[in-house]
Amino acid sequence: MMNLAHWRLLVAVADEGTISRAADRVGITQSGASQAIGQLEAALGFPVFVRERRQVDVTALGQQVIDHARRMLDGLQAIRALADDSQGLSSARI
């Protein structure tokens, strides 16, 4: 099953170039990140990344998935901003 954490991790791996740095960025262990990526790829039915010794590369099909994931995450952030604006949270000062 794919959830929001999977999509955030997927984008983080693409941005960071390694599973270790991506795991640090999203706040999980490297082994947990590797397992989550494996689950995501199994659910999709194709590899998103090619794992090298010290880095990961994005496959051509994986890049399309990552592009969609980025748009989805951007859309969710826009919704969060709308919700915050409606409650006056975006312009609040301490």
PDB file of N, CA and C in Angstrom:
ATOM      1  N   MET A   1       0.848  -1.181   0.000  1.00  0.00           N
ATOM      2  CA  MET A   1       0.000   0.000   0.000  1.00  0.00           C
ATOM      3  C   MET A   1       0.893   1.243   0.000  1.00  0.00           C
ATOM      4  N   MET A   2       0.497   2.219  -0.759  1.00  0.00           N
ATOM      5  CA  MET A   2       1.260   3.457  -0.864  1.00  0.00           C
ATOM      6  C   MET A   2       0.577   4.536  -0.023  1.00  0.00           C
ATOM      7  N   ASN A   3       1.392   5.253   0.749  1.00  0.00           N
ATOM      8  CA  ASN A   3       0.846   6.343   1.544  1.00  0.00           C
ATOM      9  C   ASN A   3       1.702   7.592   1.334  1.00  0.00           C
ATOM     10  N   LEU A   4       1.310   8.659   1.984  1.00  0.00           N
ATOM     11  CA  LEU A   4       1.987   9.937   1.803  1.00  0.00           C
ATOM     12  C   LEU A   4       3.466   9.854   2.170  1.00  0.00           C
ATOM     13  N   ALA A   5       3.795   9.092   3.192  1.00  0.00           N
ATOM     14  CA  ALA A   5       5.203   8.942   3.597  1.00  0.00           C
ATOM     15  C   ALA A   5       6.021   8.299   2.482  1.00  0.00           C
ATOM     16  N   HIS A   6       5.438   7.339   1.767  1.00  0.00           N
ATOM     17  CA  HIS A   6       6.145   6.719   0.641  1.00  0.00           C
ATOM     18  C   HIS A   6       6.475   7.755  -0.426  1.00  0.00           C
ATOM     19  N   TRP A   7       5.514   8.602  -0.750  1.00  0.00           N
ATOM     20  CA  TRP A   7       5.725   9.596  -1.808  1.00  0.00           C
ATOM     21  C   TRP A   7       6.757  10.633  -1.393  1.00  0.00           C
ATOM     22  N   ARG A   8       6.715  11.039  -0.122  1.00  0.00           N
ATOM     23  CA  ARG A   8       7.722  11.982   0.373  1.00  0.00           C
ATOM     24  C   ARG A   8       9.116  11.367   0.323  1.00  0.00           C
ATOM     25  N   LEU A   9       9.205  10.104   0.700  1.00  0.00           N
ATOM     26  CA  LEU A   9      10.485   9.406   0.658  1.00  0.00           C
ATOM     27  C   LEU A   9      10.986   9.279  -0.772  1.00  0.00           C
ATOM     28  N   LEU A  10      10.106   8.935  -1.677  1.00  0.00           N
ATOM     29  CA  LEU A  10      10.478   8.781  -3.083  1.00  0.00           C
ATOM     30  C   LEU A  10      11.095  10.068  -3.626  1.00  0.00           C
ATOM     31  N   VAL A  11      10.471  11.194  -3.354  1.00  0.00           N
ATOM     32  CA  VAL A  11      10.986  12.490  -3.805  1.00  0.00           C
ATOM     33  C   VAL A  11      12.308  12.804  -3.103  1.00  0.00           C
ATOM     34  N   ALA A  12      12.394  12.495  -1.832  1.00  0.00           N
ATOM     35  CA  ALA A  12      13.628  12.756  -1.091  1.00  0.00           C
ATOM     36  C   ALA A  12      14.794  11.953  -1.653  1.00  0.00           C
ATOM     37  N   VAL A  13      14.563  10.693  -2.008  1.00  0.00           N
ATOM     38  CA  VAL A  13      15.632   9.871  -2.591  1.00  0.00           C
ATOM     39  C   VAL A  13      16.079  10.472  -3.919  1.00  0.00           C
ATOM     40  N   ALA A  14      15.132  10.880  -4.729  1.00  0.00           N
ATOM     41  CA  ALA A  14      15.477  11.497  -6.019  1.00  0.00           C
ATOM     42  C   ALA A  14      16.280  12.777  -5.808  1.00  0.00           C
ATOM     43  N   ASP A  15      15.901  13.583  -4.824  1.00  0.00           N
ATOM     44  CA  ASP A  15      16.594  14.846  -4.547  1.00  0.00           C
ATOM     45  C   ASP A  15      17.978  14.624  -3.949  1.00  0.00           C
ATOM     46  N   GLU A  16      18.078  13.703  -3.023  1.00  0.00           N
ATOM     47  CA  GLU A  16      19.316  13.503  -2.260  1.00  0.00           C
ATOM     48  C   GLU A  16      20.329  12.608  -2.966  1.00  0.00           C
ATOM     49  N   GLY A  17      19.846  11.699  -3.809  1.00  0.00           N
ATOM     50  CA  GLY A  17      20.757  10.819  -4.534  1.00  0.00           C
ATOM     51  C   GLY A  17      21.197   9.583  -3.777  1.00  0.00           C
ATOM     52  N   THR A  18      20.869   9.509  -2.483  1.00  0.00           N
ATOM     53  CA  THR A  18      21.146   8.307  -1.702  1.00  0.00           C
ATOM     54  C   THR A  18      19.964   8.024  -0.778  1.00  0.00           C
ATOM     55  N   ILE A  19      19.798   6.753  -0.478  1.00  0.00           N
ATOM     56  CA  ILE A  19      18.725   6.370   0.436  1.00  0.00           C
ATOM     57  C   ILE A  19      19.042   6.846   1.847  1.00  0.00           C
ATOM     58  N   SER A  20      20.308   6.807   2.232  1.00  0.00           N
ATOM     59  CA  SER A  20      20.702   7.233   3.584  1.00  0.00           C
ATOM     60  C   SER A  20      20.347   8.694   3.839  1.00  0.00           C
ATOM     61  N   ARG A  21      20.733   9.569   2.932  1.00  0.00           N
ATOM     62  CA  ARG A  21      20.438  11.003   3.117  1.00  0.00           C
ATOM     63  C   ARG A  21      18.936  11.264   3.050  1.00  0.00           C
ATOM     64  N   ALA A  22      18.247  10.544   2.169  1.00  0.00           N
ATOM     65  CA  ALA A  22      16.794  10.702   2.085  1.00  0.00           C
ATOM     66  C   ALA A  22      16.127  10.251   3.381  1.00  0.00           C
ATOM     67  N   ALA A  23      16.607   9.155   3.944  1.00  0.00           N
ATOM     68  CA  ALA A  23      16.058   8.657   5.207  1.00  0.00           C
ATOM     69  C   ALA A  23      16.247   9.700   6.307  1.00  0.00           C
ATOM     70  N   ASP A  24      17.431  10.292   6.376  1.00  0.00           N
ATOM     71  CA  ASP A  24      17.681  11.351   7.359  1.00  0.00           C
ATOM     72  C   ASP A  24      16.715  12.511   7.148  1.00  0.00           C
ATOM     73  N   ARG A  25      16.518  12.887   5.907  1.00  0.00           N
ATOM     74  CA  ARG A  25      15.648  14.026   5.576  1.00  0.00           C
ATOM     75  C   ARG A  25      14.214  13.801   6.030  1.00  0.00           C
ATOM     76  N   VAL A  26      13.712  12.577   5.870  1.00  0.00           N
ATOM     77  CA  VAL A  26      12.312  12.316   6.237  1.00  0.00           C
ATOM     78  C   VAL A  26      12.173  11.739   7.642  1.00  0.00           C
ATOM     79  N   GLY A  27      13.308  11.499   8.303  1.00  0.00           N
ATOM     80  CA  GLY A  27      13.254  11.084   9.701  1.00  0.00           C
ATOM     81  C   GLY A  27      12.994   9.608   9.946  1.00  0.00           C
ATOM     82  N   ILE A  28      13.527   8.757   9.087  1.00  0.00           N
ATOM     83  CA  ILE A  28      13.419   7.312   9.305  1.00  0.00           C
ATOM     84  C   ILE A  28      14.805   6.685   9.159  1.00  0.00           C
ATOM     85  N   THR A  29      14.894   5.415   9.488  1.00  0.00           N
ATOM     86  CA  THR A  29      16.175   4.727   9.360  1.00  0.00           C
ATOM     87  C   THR A  29      16.444   4.384   7.904  1.00  0.00           C
ATOM     88  N   GLN A  30      17.712   4.143   7.601  1.00  0.00           N
ATOM     89  CA  GLN A  30      18.090   3.761   6.236  1.00  0.00           C
ATOM     90  C   GLN A  30      17.436   2.434   5.862  1.00  0.00           C
ATOM     91  N   SER A  31      17.427   1.486   6.779  1.00  0.00           N
ATOM     92  CA  SER A  31      16.818   0.189   6.463  1.00  0.00           C
ATOM     93  C   SER A  31      15.308   0.322   6.265  1.00  0.00           C
ATOM     94  N   GLY A  32      14.678   1.176   7.062  1.00  0.00           N
ATOM     95  CA  GLY A  32      13.243   1.426   6.887  1.00  0.00           C
ATOM     96  C   GLY A  32      12.945   2.076   5.549  1.00  0.00           C
ATOM     97  N   ALA A  33      13.827   2.995   5.139  1.00  0.00           N
ATOM     98  CA  ALA A  33      13.655   3.659   3.849  1.00  0.00           C
ATOM     99  C   ALA A  33      13.826   2.658   2.704  1.00  0.00           C
ATOM    100  N   SER A  34      14.842   1.819   2.792  1.00  0.00           N
ATOM    101  CA  SER A  34      15.060   0.800   1.751  1.00  0.00           C
ATOM    102  C   SER A  34      13.860  -0.126   1.637  1.00  0.00           C
ATOM    103  N   GLN A  35      13.343  -0.530   2.783  1.00  0.00           N
ATOM    104  CA  GLN A  35      12.174  -1.413   2.787  1.00  0.00           C
ATOM    105  C   GLN A  35      10.957  -0.707   2.185  1.00  0.00           C
ATOM    106  N   ALA A  36      10.744   0.547   2.544  1.00  0.00           N
ATOM    107  CA  ALA A  36       9.596   1.299   2.021  1.00  0.00           C
ATOM    108  C   ALA A  36       9.696   1.479   0.512  1.00  0.00           C
ATOM    109  N   ILE A  37      10.892   1.754   0.017  1.00  0.00           N
ATOM    110  CA  ILE A  37      11.071   1.905  -1.431  1.00  0.00           C
ATOM    111  C   ILE A  37      10.811   0.575  -2.135  1.00  0.00           C
ATOM    112  N   GLY A  38      11.291  -0.501  -1.542  1.00  0.00           N
ATOM    113  CA  GLY A  38      11.013  -1.825  -2.106  1.00  0.00           C
ATOM    114  C   GLY A  38       9.526  -2.109  -2.167  1.00  0.00           C
ATOM    115  N   GLN A  39       8.797  -1.742  -1.122  1.00  0.00           N
ATOM    116  CA  GLN A  39       7.344  -1.938  -1.098  1.00  0.00           C
ATOM    117  C   GLN A  39       6.660  -1.098  -2.173  1.00  0.00           C
ATOM    118  N   LEU A  40       7.109   0.132  -2.297  1.00  0.00           N
ATOM    119  CA  LEU A  40       6.538   1.029  -3.308  1.00  0.00           C
ATOM    120  C   LEU A  40       6.779   0.484  -4.711  1.00  0.00           C
ATOM    121  N   GLU A  41       8.015   0.053  -4.968  1.00  0.00           N
ATOM    122  CA  GLU A  41       8.332  -0.500  -6.290  1.00  0.00           C
ATOM    123  C   GLU A  41       7.551  -1.783  -6.548  1.00  0.00           C
ATOM    124  N   ALA A  42       7.363  -2.601  -5.525  1.00  0.00           N
ATOM    125  CA  ALA A  42       6.573  -3.826  -5.684  1.00  0.00           C
ATOM    126  C   ALA A  42       5.118  -3.489  -6.004  1.00  0.00           C
ATOM    127  N   ALA A  43       4.581  -2.480  -5.319  1.00  0.00           N
ATOM    128  CA  ALA A  43       3.197  -2.067  -5.577  1.00  0.00           C
ATOM    129  C   ALA A  43       3.038  -1.500  -6.984  1.00  0.00           C
ATOM    130  N   LEU A  44       4.052  -0.761  -7.456  1.00  0.00           N
ATOM    131  CA  LEU A  44       3.997  -0.188  -8.800  1.00  0.00           C
ATOM    132  C   LEU A  44       4.249  -1.243  -9.868  1.00  0.00           C
ATOM    133  N   GLY A  45       5.066  -2.236  -9.545  1.00  0.00           N
ATOM    134  CA  GLY A  45       5.368  -3.288 -10.505  1.00  0.00           C
ATOM    135  C   GLY A  45       6.570  -3.009 -11.384  1.00  0.00           C
ATOM    136  N   PHE A  46       7.369  -1.998 -11.017  1.00  0.00           N
ATOM    137  CA  PHE A  46       8.586  -1.687 -11.770  1.00  0.00           C
ATOM    138  C   PHE A  46       9.540  -0.916 -10.867  1.00  0.00           C
ATOM    139  N   PRO A  47      10.834  -0.958 -11.183  1.00  0.00           N
ATOM    140  CA  PRO A  47      11.797  -0.213 -10.367  1.00  0.00           C
ATOM    141  C   PRO A  47      11.735   1.283 -10.651  1.00  0.00           C
ATOM    142  N   VAL A  48      11.787   2.049  -9.603  1.00  0.00           N
ATOM    143  CA  VAL A  48      11.846   3.503  -9.711  1.00  0.00           C
ATOM    144  C   VAL A  48      13.309   3.956  -9.719  1.00  0.00           C
ATOM    145  N   PHE A  49      14.137   3.203  -9.008  1.00  0.00           N
ATOM    146  CA  PHE A  49      15.553   3.537  -8.868  1.00  0.00           C
ATOM    147  C   PHE A  49      16.439   2.370  -9.282  1.00  0.00           C
ATOM    148  N   VAL A  50      17.613   2.719  -9.753  1.00  0.00           N
ATOM    149  CA  VAL A  50      18.689   1.750  -9.968  1.00  0.00           C
ATOM    150  C   VAL A  50      19.681   2.011  -8.848  1.00  0.00           C
ATOM    151  N   ARG A  51      19.908   1.013  -8.026  1.00  0.00           N
ATOM    152  CA  ARG A  51      20.786   1.181  -6.878  1.00  0.00           C
ATOM    153  C   ARG A  51      22.229   0.901  -7.272  1.00  0.00           C
ATOM    154  N   GLU A  52      23.080   1.874  -7.053  1.00  0.00           N
ATOM    155  CA  GLU A  52      24.518   1.734  -7.265  1.00  0.00           C
ATOM    156  C   GLU A  52      25.169   1.613  -5.891  1.00  0.00           C
ATOM    157  N   ARG A  53      26.452   1.452  -5.869  1.00  0.00           N
ATOM    158  CA  ARG A  53      27.133   1.251  -4.583  1.00  0.00           C
ATOM    159  C   ARG A  53      26.952   2.425  -3.632  1.00  0.00           C
ATOM    160  N   ARG A  54      27.116   3.632  -4.090  1.00  0.00           N
ATOM    161  CA  ARG A  54      27.053   4.802  -3.215  1.00  0.00           C
ATOM    162  C   ARG A  54      25.944   5.789  -3.580  1.00  0.00           C
ATOM    163  N   GLN A  55      25.128   5.446  -4.551  1.00  0.00           N
ATOM    164  CA  GLN A  55      24.072   6.366  -4.962  1.00  0.00           C
ATOM    165  C   GLN A  55      22.949   5.590  -5.626  1.00  0.00           C
ATOM    166  N   VAL A  56      21.868   6.281  -5.871  1.00  0.00           N
ATOM    167  CA  VAL A  56      20.775   5.706  -6.642  1.00  0.00           C
ATOM    168  C   VAL A  56      20.512   6.616  -7.834  1.00  0.00           C
ATOM    169  N   ASP A  57      20.142   6.005  -8.932  1.00  0.00           N
ATOM    170  CA  ASP A  57      19.750   6.744 -10.124  1.00  0.00           C
ATOM    171  C   ASP A  57      18.288   6.458 -10.389  1.00  0.00           C
ATOM    172  N   VAL A  58      17.605   7.419 -10.946  1.00  0.00           N
ATOM    173  CA  VAL A  58      16.185   7.287 -11.247  1.00  0.00           C
ATOM    174  C   VAL A  58      16.034   6.653 -12.628  1.00  0.00           C
ATOM    175  N   THR A  59      15.142   5.667 -12.736  1.00  0.00           N
ATOM    176  CA  THR A  59      14.851   5.084 -14.039  1.00  0.00           C
ATOM    177  C   THR A  59      13.988   6.066 -14.838  1.00  0.00           C
ATOM    178  N   ALA A  60      13.874   5.839 -16.123  1.00  0.00           N
ATOM    179  CA  ALA A  60      13.056   6.724 -16.973  1.00  0.00           C
ATOM    180  C   ALA A  60      11.600   6.714 -16.510  1.00  0.00           C
ATOM    181  N   LEU A  61      11.061   5.550 -16.255  1.00  0.00           N
ATOM    182  CA  LEU A  61       9.675   5.461 -15.776  1.00  0.00           C
ATOM    183  C   LEU A  61       9.569   6.025 -14.356  1.00  0.00           C
ATOM    184  N   GLY A  62      10.602   5.796 -13.568  1.00  0.00           N
ATOM    185  CA  GLY A  62      10.638   6.346 -12.220  1.00  0.00           C
ATOM    186  C   GLY A  62      10.590   7.864 -12.222  1.00  0.00           C
ATOM    187  N   GLN A  63      11.247   8.489 -13.184  1.00  0.00           N
ATOM    188  CA  GLN A  63      11.227   9.952 -13.259  1.00  0.00           C
ATOM    189  C   GLN A  63       9.812  10.465 -13.489  1.00  0.00           C
ATOM    190  N   GLN A  64       9.046   9.762 -14.288  1.00  0.00           N
ATOM    191  CA  GLN A  64       7.653  10.162 -14.503  1.00  0.00           C
ATOM    192  C   GLN A  64       6.852  10.054 -13.209  1.00  0.00           C
ATOM    193  N   VAL A  65       7.089   8.988 -12.456  1.00  0.00           N
ATOM    194  CA  VAL A  65       6.406   8.804 -11.173  1.00  0.00           C
ATOM    195  C   VAL A  65       6.795   9.928 -10.206  1.00  0.00           C
ATOM    196  N   ILE A  66       8.077  10.231 -10.153  1.00  0.00           N
ATOM    197  CA  ILE A  66       8.554  11.284  -9.252  1.00  0.00           C
ATOM    198  C   ILE A  66       7.964  12.637  -9.632  1.00  0.00           C
ATOM    199  N   ASP A  67       7.854  12.913 -10.923  1.00  0.00           N
ATOM    200  CA  ASP A  67       7.244  14.171 -11.361  1.00  0.00           C
ATOM    201  C   ASP A  67       5.801  14.270 -10.872  1.00  0.00           C
ATOM    202  N   HIS A  68       5.063  13.167 -10.989  1.00  0.00           N
ATOM    203  CA  HIS A  68       3.671  13.153 -10.492  1.00  0.00           C
ATOM    204  C   HIS A  68       3.635  13.304  -8.976  1.00  0.00           C
ATOM    205  N   ALA A  69       4.551  12.636  -8.285  1.00  0.00           N
ATOM    206  CA  ALA A  69       4.602  12.723  -6.822  1.00  0.00           C
ATOM    207  C   ALA A  69       4.888  14.161  -6.381  1.00  0.00           C
ATOM    208  N   ARG A  70       5.792  14.829  -7.075  1.00  0.00           N
ATOM    209  CA  ARG A  70       6.094  16.232  -6.741  1.00  0.00           C
ATOM    210  C   ARG A  70       4.851  17.110  -6.898  1.00  0.00           C
ATOM    211  N   ARG A  71       4.133  16.917  -7.991  1.00  0.00           N
ATOM    212  CA  ARG A  71       2.918  17.711  -8.210  1.00  0.00           C
ATOM    213  C   ARG A  71       1.880  17.420  -7.125  1.00  0.00           C
ATOM    214  N   MET A  72       1.759  16.148  -6.751  1.00  0.00           N
ATOM    215  CA  MET A  72       0.805  15.781  -5.711  1.00  0.00           C
ATOM    216  C   MET A  72       1.194  16.437  -4.383  1.00  0.00           C
ATOM    217  N   LEU A  73       2.464  16.359  -4.014  1.00  0.00           N
ATOM    218  CA  LEU A  73       2.916  16.956  -2.759  1.00  0.00           C
ATOM    219  C   LEU A  73       2.784  18.474  -2.784  1.00  0.00           C
ATOM    220  N   ASP A  74       3.057  19.089  -3.934  1.00  0.00           N
ATOM    221  CA  ASP A  74       2.856  20.538  -4.070  1.00  0.00           C
ATOM    222  C   ASP A  74       1.383  20.893  -3.891  1.00  0.00           C
ATOM    223  N   GLY A  75       0.499  20.085  -4.467  1.00  0.00           N
ATOM    224  CA  GLY A  75      -0.939  20.306  -4.320  1.00  0.00           C
ATOM    225  C   GLY A  75      -1.387  20.189  -2.877  1.00  0.00           C
ATOM    226  N   LEU A  76      -0.858  19.209  -2.171  1.00  0.00           N
ATOM    227  CA  LEU A  76      -1.193  19.062  -0.755  1.00  0.00           C
ATOM    228  C   LEU A  76      -0.704  20.257   0.060  1.00  0.00           C
ATOM    229  N   GLN A  77       0.477  20.752  -0.276  1.00  0.00           N
ATOM    230  CA  GLN A  77       0.999  21.939   0.410  1.00  0.00           C
ATOM    231  C   GLN A  77       0.117  23.155   0.132  1.00  0.00           C
ATOM    232  N   ALA A  78      -0.366  23.268  -1.088  1.00  0.00           N
ATOM    233  CA  ALA A  78      -1.262  24.382  -1.433  1.00  0.00           C
ATOM    234  C   ALA A  78      -2.568  24.291  -0.646  1.00  0.00           C
ATOM    235  N   ILE A  79      -3.080  23.095  -0.485  1.00  0.00           N
ATOM    236  CA  ILE A  79      -4.301  22.898   0.308  1.00  0.00           C
ATOM    237  C   ILE A  79      -4.049  23.288   1.764  1.00  0.00           C
ATOM    238  N   ARG A  80      -2.885  22.873   2.292  1.00  0.00           N
ATOM    239  CA  ARG A  80      -2.529  23.223   3.678  1.00  0.00           C
ATOM    240  C   ARG A  80      -2.444  24.741   3.839  1.00  0.00           C
ATOM    241  N   ALA A  81      -1.860  25.418   2.852  1.00  0.00           N
ATOM    242  CA  ALA A  81      -1.747  26.874   2.901  1.00  0.00           C
ATOM    243  C   ALA A  81      -3.128  27.527   2.873  1.00  0.00           C
ATOM    244  N   LEU A  82      -4.029  27.003   2.045  1.00  0.00           N
ATOM    245  CA  LEU A  82      -5.400  27.534   2.018  1.00  0.00           C
ATOM    246  C   LEU A  82      -6.081  27.375   3.367  1.00  0.00           C
ATOM    247  N   ALA A  83      -5.913  26.201   3.951  1.00  0.00           N
ATOM    248  CA  ALA A  83      -6.521  25.951   5.257  1.00  0.00           C
ATOM    249  C   ALA A  83      -5.942  26.895   6.311  1.00  0.00           C
ATOM    250  N   ASP A  84      -4.624  27.077   6.295  1.00  0.00           N
ATOM    251  CA  ASP A  84      -3.995  27.986   7.247  1.00  0.00           C
ATOM    252  C   ASP A  84      -4.469  29.422   7.036  1.00  0.00           C
ATOM    253  N   ASP A  85      -4.543  29.841   5.762  1.00  0.00           N
ATOM    254  CA  ASP A  85      -5.017  31.195   5.453  1.00  0.00           C
ATOM    255  C   ASP A  85      -6.440  31.406   5.953  1.00  0.00           C
ATOM    256  N   SER A  86      -7.284  30.395   5.797  1.00  0.00           N
ATOM    257  CA  SER A  86      -8.688  30.537   6.204  1.00  0.00           C
ATOM    258  C   SER A  86      -8.824  30.709   7.702  1.00  0.00           C
ATOM    259  N   GLN A  87      -7.817  30.274   8.446  1.00  0.00           N
ATOM    260  CA  GLN A  87      -7.844  30.386   9.909  1.00  0.00           C
ATOM    261  C   GLN A  87      -6.942  31.517  10.398  1.00  0.00           C
ATOM    262  N   GLY A  88      -6.391  32.288   9.452  1.00  0.00           N
ATOM    263  CA  GLY A  88      -5.534  33.397   9.814  1.00  0.00           C
ATOM    264  C   GLY A  88      -4.176  32.964  10.349  1.00  0.00           C
ATOM    265  N   LEU A  89      -3.766  31.745  10.045  1.00  0.00           N
ATOM    266  CA  LEU A  89      -2.517  31.228  10.594  1.00  0.00           C
ATOM    267  C   LEU A  89      -1.284  31.656   9.793  1.00  0.00           C
ATOM    268  N   SER A  90      -1.458  31.960   8.533  1.00  0.00           N
ATOM    269  CA  SER A  90      -0.282  32.272   7.714  1.00  0.00           C
ATOM    270  C   SER A  90       0.305  33.641   8.006  1.00  0.00           C
ATOM    271  N   SER A  91      -0.515  34.554   8.520  1.00  0.00           N
ATOM    272  CA  SER A  91      -0.006  35.904   8.794  1.00  0.00           C
ATOM    273  C   SER A  91       0.133  36.168  10.289  1.00  0.00           C
ATOM    274  N   ALA A  92      -0.010  35.132  11.094  1.00  0.00           N
ATOM    275  CA  ALA A  92       0.096  35.319  12.547  1.00  0.00           C
ATOM    276  C   ALA A  92       1.520  35.670  12.938  1.00  0.00           C
ATOM    277  N   ARG A  93       1.644  36.506  13.939  1.00  0.00           N
ATOM    278  CA  ARG A  93       2.958  36.885  14.461  1.00  0.00           C
ATOM    279  C   ARG A  93       3.007  36.599  15.944  1.00  0.00           C
ATOM    280  N   ILE A  94       4.189  36.258  16.371  1.00  0.00           N
ATOM    281  CA  ILE A  94       4.369  35.959  17.790  1.00  0.00           C
ATOM    282  C   ILE A  94       5.016  37.152  18.466  1.00  0.00           C
TER     283      ILE A  94
END
